PDB file of N, CA and C in Angstrom:
ATOM      1  N   MET A   1      -5.568  11.641 -16.576  1.00  0.00           N
ATOM      2  CA  MET A   1      -6.840  11.897 -15.944  1.00  0.00           C
ATOM      3  C   MET A   1      -7.919  11.996 -17.017  1.00  0.00           C
ATOM      4  N   ALA A   2      -9.127  11.801 -16.589  1.00  0.00           N
ATOM      5  CA  ALA A   2     -10.245  11.844 -17.527  1.00  0.00           C
ATOM      6  C   ALA A   2     -10.570  13.278 -17.905  1.00  0.00           C
ATOM      7  N   ASP A   3     -10.916  13.447 -19.169  1.00  0.00           N
ATOM      8  CA  ASP A   3     -11.311  14.758 -19.663  1.00  0.00           C
ATOM      9  C   ASP A   3     -12.831  14.824 -19.642  1.00  0.00           C
ATOM     10  N   HIS A   4     -13.398  15.639 -18.781  1.00  0.00           N
ATOM     11  CA  HIS A   4     -14.843  15.733 -18.642  1.00  0.00           C
ATOM     12  C   HIS A   4     -15.421  16.902 -19.432  1.00  0.00           C
ATOM     13  N   SER A   5     -14.669  17.422 -20.386  1.00  0.00           N
ATOM     14  CA  SER A   5     -15.145  18.577 -21.142  1.00  0.00           C
ATOM     15  C   SER A   5     -15.937  18.161 -22.381  1.00  0.00           C
ATOM     16  N   HIS A   6     -16.086  16.857 -22.624  1.00  0.00           N
ATOM     17  CA  HIS A   6     -16.850  16.320 -23.747  1.00  0.00           C
ATOM     18  C   HIS A   6     -16.384  16.895 -25.084  1.00  0.00           C
ATOM     19  N   GLY A   7     -15.083  16.874 -25.274  1.00  0.00           N
ATOM     20  CA  GLY A   7     -14.517  17.289 -26.540  1.00  0.00           C
ATOM     21  C   GLY A   7     -14.236  18.780 -26.641  1.00  0.00           C
ATOM     22  N   LYS A   8     -14.693  19.558 -25.701  1.00  0.00           N
ATOM     23  CA  LYS A   8     -14.445  20.996 -25.741  1.00  0.00           C
ATOM     24  C   LYS A   8     -13.108  21.288 -25.072  1.00  0.00           C
ATOM     25  N   THR A   9     -12.412  22.261 -25.581  1.00  0.00           N
ATOM     26  CA  THR A   9     -11.142  22.652 -24.985  1.00  0.00           C
ATOM     27  C   THR A   9     -11.418  23.582 -23.803  1.00  0.00           C
ATOM     28  N   VAL A  10     -10.937  23.188 -22.636  1.00  0.00           N
ATOM     29  CA  VAL A  10     -11.113  23.999 -21.440  1.00  0.00           C
ATOM     30  C   VAL A  10      -9.754  24.571 -21.075  1.00  0.00           C
ATOM     31  N   GLU A  11      -9.676  25.865 -21.019  1.00  0.00           N
ATOM     32  CA  GLU A  11      -8.411  26.525 -20.711  1.00  0.00           C
ATOM     33  C   GLU A  11      -8.396  26.917 -19.240  1.00  0.00           C
ATOM     34  N   HIS A  12      -7.347  26.510 -18.550  1.00  0.00           N
ATOM     35  CA  HIS A  12      -7.204  26.835 -17.133  1.00  0.00           C
ATOM     36  C   HIS A  12      -6.602  28.222 -16.983  1.00  0.00           C
ATOM     37  N   LYS A  13      -7.183  29.010 -16.104  1.00  0.00           N
ATOM     38  CA  LYS A  13      -6.665  30.343 -15.816  1.00  0.00           C
ATOM     39  C   LYS A  13      -6.132  30.328 -14.388  1.00  0.00           C
ATOM     40  N   PRO A  14      -4.804  30.410 -14.199  1.00  0.00           N
ATOM     41  CA  PRO A  14      -4.239  30.390 -12.854  1.00  0.00           C
ATOM     42  C   PRO A  14      -4.834  31.491 -11.973  1.00  0.00           C
ATOM     43  N   GLY A  15      -5.162  31.115 -10.753  1.00  0.00           N
ATOM     44  CA  GLY A  15      -5.694  32.077  -9.800  1.00  0.00           C
ATOM     45  C   GLY A  15      -7.186  32.286  -9.893  1.00  0.00           C
ATOM     46  N   SER A  16      -7.882  31.532 -10.743  1.00  0.00           N
ATOM     47  CA  SER A  16      -9.312  31.749 -10.916  1.00  0.00           C
ATOM     48  C   SER A  16     -10.173  30.803 -10.076  1.00  0.00           C
ATOM     49  N   MET A  17      -9.570  29.799  -9.457  1.00  0.00           N
ATOM     50  CA  MET A  17     -10.330  28.825  -8.683  1.00  0.00           C
ATOM     51  C   MET A  17     -10.671  29.372  -7.295  1.00  0.00           C
ATOM     52  N   ASP A  18     -11.887  29.104  -6.842  1.00  0.00           N
ATOM     53  CA  ASP A  18     -12.297  29.514  -5.502  1.00  0.00           C
ATOM     54  C   ASP A  18     -11.717  28.531  -4.487  1.00  0.00           C
ATOM     55  N   ILE A  19     -10.853  29.012  -3.617  1.00  0.00           N
ATOM     56  CA  ILE A  19     -10.166  28.128  -2.667  1.00  0.00           C
ATOM     57  C   ILE A  19     -10.550  28.430  -1.216  1.00  0.00           C
ATOM     58  N   ARG A  20     -11.672  29.099  -1.004  1.00  0.00           N
ATOM     59  CA  ARG A  20     -12.082  29.440   0.364  1.00  0.00           C
ATOM     60  C   ARG A  20     -12.304  28.203   1.221  1.00  0.00           C
ATOM     61  N   ALA A  21     -12.872  27.148   0.654  1.00  0.00           N
ATOM     62  CA  ALA A  21     -13.122  25.925   1.423  1.00  0.00           C
ATOM     63  C   ALA A  21     -11.800  25.287   1.849  1.00  0.00           C
ATOM     64  N   GLN A  22     -10.825  25.264   0.943  1.00  0.00           N
ATOM     65  CA  GLN A  22      -9.518  24.701   1.285  1.00  0.00           C
ATOM     66  C   GLN A  22      -8.826  25.544   2.352  1.00  0.00           C
ATOM     67  N   GLU A  23      -8.950  26.864   2.259  1.00  0.00           N
ATOM     68  CA  GLU A  23      -8.321  27.739   3.251  1.00  0.00           C
ATOM     69  C   GLU A  23      -8.939  27.535   4.633  1.00  0.00           C
ATOM     70  N   LYS A  24     -10.268  27.371   4.689  1.00  0.00           N
ATOM     71  CA  LYS A  24     -10.941  27.123   5.974  1.00  0.00           C
ATOM     72  C   LYS A  24     -10.504  25.785   6.557  1.00  0.00           C
ATOM     73  N   THR A  25     -10.411  24.756   5.705  1.00  0.00           N
ATOM     74  CA  THR A  25     -10.000  23.437   6.165  1.00  0.00           C
ATOM     75  C   THR A  25      -8.577  23.466   6.690  1.00  0.00           C
ATOM     76  N   PHE A  26      -7.690  24.150   5.979  1.00  0.00           N
ATOM     77  CA  PHE A  26      -6.294  24.243   6.413  1.00  0.00           C
ATOM     78  C   PHE A  26      -6.185  25.003   7.733  1.00  0.00           C
ATOM     79  N   ALA A  27      -6.929  26.092   7.875  1.00  0.00           N
ATOM     80  CA  ALA A  27      -6.904  26.872   9.120  1.00  0.00           C
ATOM     81  C   ALA A  27      -7.401  26.023  10.288  1.00  0.00           C
ATOM     82  N   ALA A  28      -8.458  25.236  10.062  1.00  0.00           N
ATOM     83  CA  ALA A  28      -8.969  24.360  11.117  1.00  0.00           C
ATOM     84  C   ALA A  28      -7.950  23.285  11.476  1.00  0.00           C
ATOM     85  N   PHE A  29      -7.268  22.734  10.476  1.00  0.00           N
ATOM     86  CA  PHE A  29      -6.242  21.718  10.731  1.00  0.00           C
ATOM     87  C   PHE A  29      -5.095  22.301  11.561  1.00  0.00           C
ATOM     88  N   ILE A  30      -4.648  23.502  11.222  1.00  0.00           N
ATOM     89  CA  ILE A  30      -3.559  24.140  11.965  1.00  0.00           C
ATOM     90  C   ILE A  30      -3.999  24.427  13.397  1.00  0.00           C
ATOM     91  N   ARG A  31      -5.230  24.932  13.563  1.00  0.00           N
ATOM     92  CA  ARG A  31      -5.747  25.230  14.905  1.00  0.00           C
ATOM     93  C   ARG A  31      -5.828  23.945  15.738  1.00  0.00           C
ATOM     94  N   PHE A  32      -6.353  22.862  15.148  1.00  0.00           N
ATOM     95  CA  PHE A  32      -6.452  21.580  15.841  1.00  0.00           C
ATOM     96  C   PHE A  32      -5.063  21.063  16.219  1.00  0.00           C
ATOM     97  N   SER A  33      -4.104  21.186  15.303  1.00  0.00           N
ATOM     98  CA  SER A  33      -2.740  20.720  15.571  1.00  0.00           C
ATOM     99  C   SER A  33      -2.087  21.518  16.693  1.00  0.00           C
ATOM    100  N   ALA A  34      -2.303  22.821  16.707  1.00  0.00           N
ATOM    101  CA  ALA A  34      -1.726  23.668  17.757  1.00  0.00           C
ATOM    102  C   ALA A  34      -2.312  23.308  19.117  1.00  0.00           C
ATOM    103  N   TRP A  35      -3.631  23.129  19.181  1.00  0.00           N
ATOM    104  CA  TRP A  35      -4.249  22.743  20.450  1.00  0.00           C
ATOM    105  C   TRP A  35      -3.786  21.354  20.894  1.00  0.00           C
ATOM    106  N   GLY A  36      -3.630  20.451  19.954  1.00  0.00           N
ATOM    107  CA  GLY A  36      -3.144  19.108  20.286  1.00  0.00           C
ATOM    108  C   GLY A  36      -1.727  19.135  20.829  1.00  0.00           C
ATOM    109  N   ALA A  37      -0.878  19.961  20.225  1.00  0.00           N
ATOM    110  CA  ALA A  37       0.500  20.081  20.700  1.00  0.00           C
ATOM    111  C   ALA A  37       0.529  20.702  22.094  1.00  0.00           C
ATOM    112  N   LEU A  38      -0.284  21.737  22.310  1.00  0.00           N
ATOM    113  CA  LEU A  38      -0.343  22.389  23.625  1.00  0.00           C
ATOM    114  C   LEU A  38      -0.839  21.413  24.683  1.00  0.00           C
ATOM    115  N   LEU A  39      -1.862  20.645  24.358  1.00  0.00           N
ATOM    116  CA  LEU A  39      -2.384  19.658  25.300  1.00  0.00           C
ATOM    117  C   LEU A  39      -1.318  18.607  25.630  1.00  0.00           C
ATOM    118  N   SER A  40      -0.572  18.176  24.634  1.00  0.00           N
ATOM    119  CA  SER A  40       0.491  17.186  24.864  1.00  0.00           C
ATOM    120  C   SER A  40       1.562  17.736  25.800  1.00  0.00           C
ATOM    121  N   VAL A  41       1.963  18.978  25.573  1.00  0.00           N
ATOM    122  CA  VAL A  41       2.974  19.605  26.427  1.00  0.00           C
ATOM    123  C   VAL A  41       2.448  19.730  27.856  1.00  0.00           C
ATOM    124  N   LEU A  42       1.190  20.146  28.011  1.00  0.00           N
ATOM    125  CA  LEU A  42       0.621  20.275  29.356  1.00  0.00           C
ATOM    126  C   LEU A  42       0.543  18.928  30.069  1.00  0.00           C
ATOM    127  N   VAL A  43       0.184  17.880  29.351  1.00  0.00           N
ATOM    128  CA  VAL A  43       0.143  16.540  29.952  1.00  0.00           C
ATOM    129  C   VAL A  43       1.545  16.111  30.381  1.00  0.00           C
ATOM    130  N   LEU A  44       2.546  16.364  29.561  1.00  0.00           N
ATOM    131  CA  LEU A  44       3.923  16.009  29.922  1.00  0.00           C
ATOM    132  C   LEU A  44       4.400  16.793  31.140  1.00  0.00           C
ATOM    133  N   ILE A  45       4.064  18.070  31.217  1.00  0.00           N
ATOM    134  CA  ILE A  45       4.445  18.879  32.381  1.00  0.00           C
ATOM    135  C   ILE A  45       3.751  18.348  33.629  1.00  0.00           C
ATOM    136  N   PHE A  46       2.463  18.031  33.524  1.00  0.00           N
ATOM    137  CA  PHE A  46       1.741  17.474  34.665  1.00  0.00           C
ATOM    138  C   PHE A  46       2.369  16.164  35.117  1.00  0.00           C
ATOM    139  N   MET A  47       2.728  15.313  34.164  1.00  0.00           N
ATOM    140  CA  MET A  47       3.347  14.022  34.514  1.00  0.00           C
ATOM    141  C   MET A  47       4.694  14.231  35.196  1.00  0.00           C
ATOM    142  N   ALA A  48       5.463  15.215  34.726  1.00  0.00           N
ATOM    143  CA  ALA A  48       6.764  15.487  35.328  1.00  0.00           C
ATOM    144  C   ALA A  48       6.607  16.024  36.760  1.00  0.00           C
ATOM    145  N   LEU A  49       5.635  16.882  36.962  1.00  0.00           N
ATOM    146  CA  LEU A  49       5.432  17.455  38.286  1.00  0.00           C
ATOM    147  C   LEU A  49       4.849  16.475  39.276  1.00  0.00           C
ATOM    148  N   SER A  50       4.092  15.498  38.803  1.00  0.00           N
ATOM    149  CA  SER A  50       3.487  14.515  39.693  1.00  0.00           C
ATOM    150  C   SER A  50       4.305  13.235  39.799  1.00  0.00           C
ATOM    151  N   ASN A  51       5.483  13.229  39.189  1.00  0.00           N
ATOM    152  CA  ASN A  51       6.385  12.071  39.207  1.00  0.00           C
ATOM    153  C   ASN A  51       5.713  10.795  38.710  1.00  0.00           C
ATOM    154  N   ALA A  52       4.960  10.911  37.662  1.00  0.00           N
ATOM    155  CA  ALA A  52       4.240   9.758  37.125  1.00  0.00           C
ATOM    156  C   ALA A  52       5.157   8.898  36.278  1.00  0.00           C
TER     157      ALA A  52
END
């Protein structure tokens, strides 16, 4: 990968990165997936009950 430090040594400190945006995105993805799964199950139940 490219080094964008322009010759300066950059030391990484584990746990120092702000990950709030990633956590929000992951939570939204999980919520969307759960609703999608629930909707799929409800559609299948409706199809079974209506003999579609």
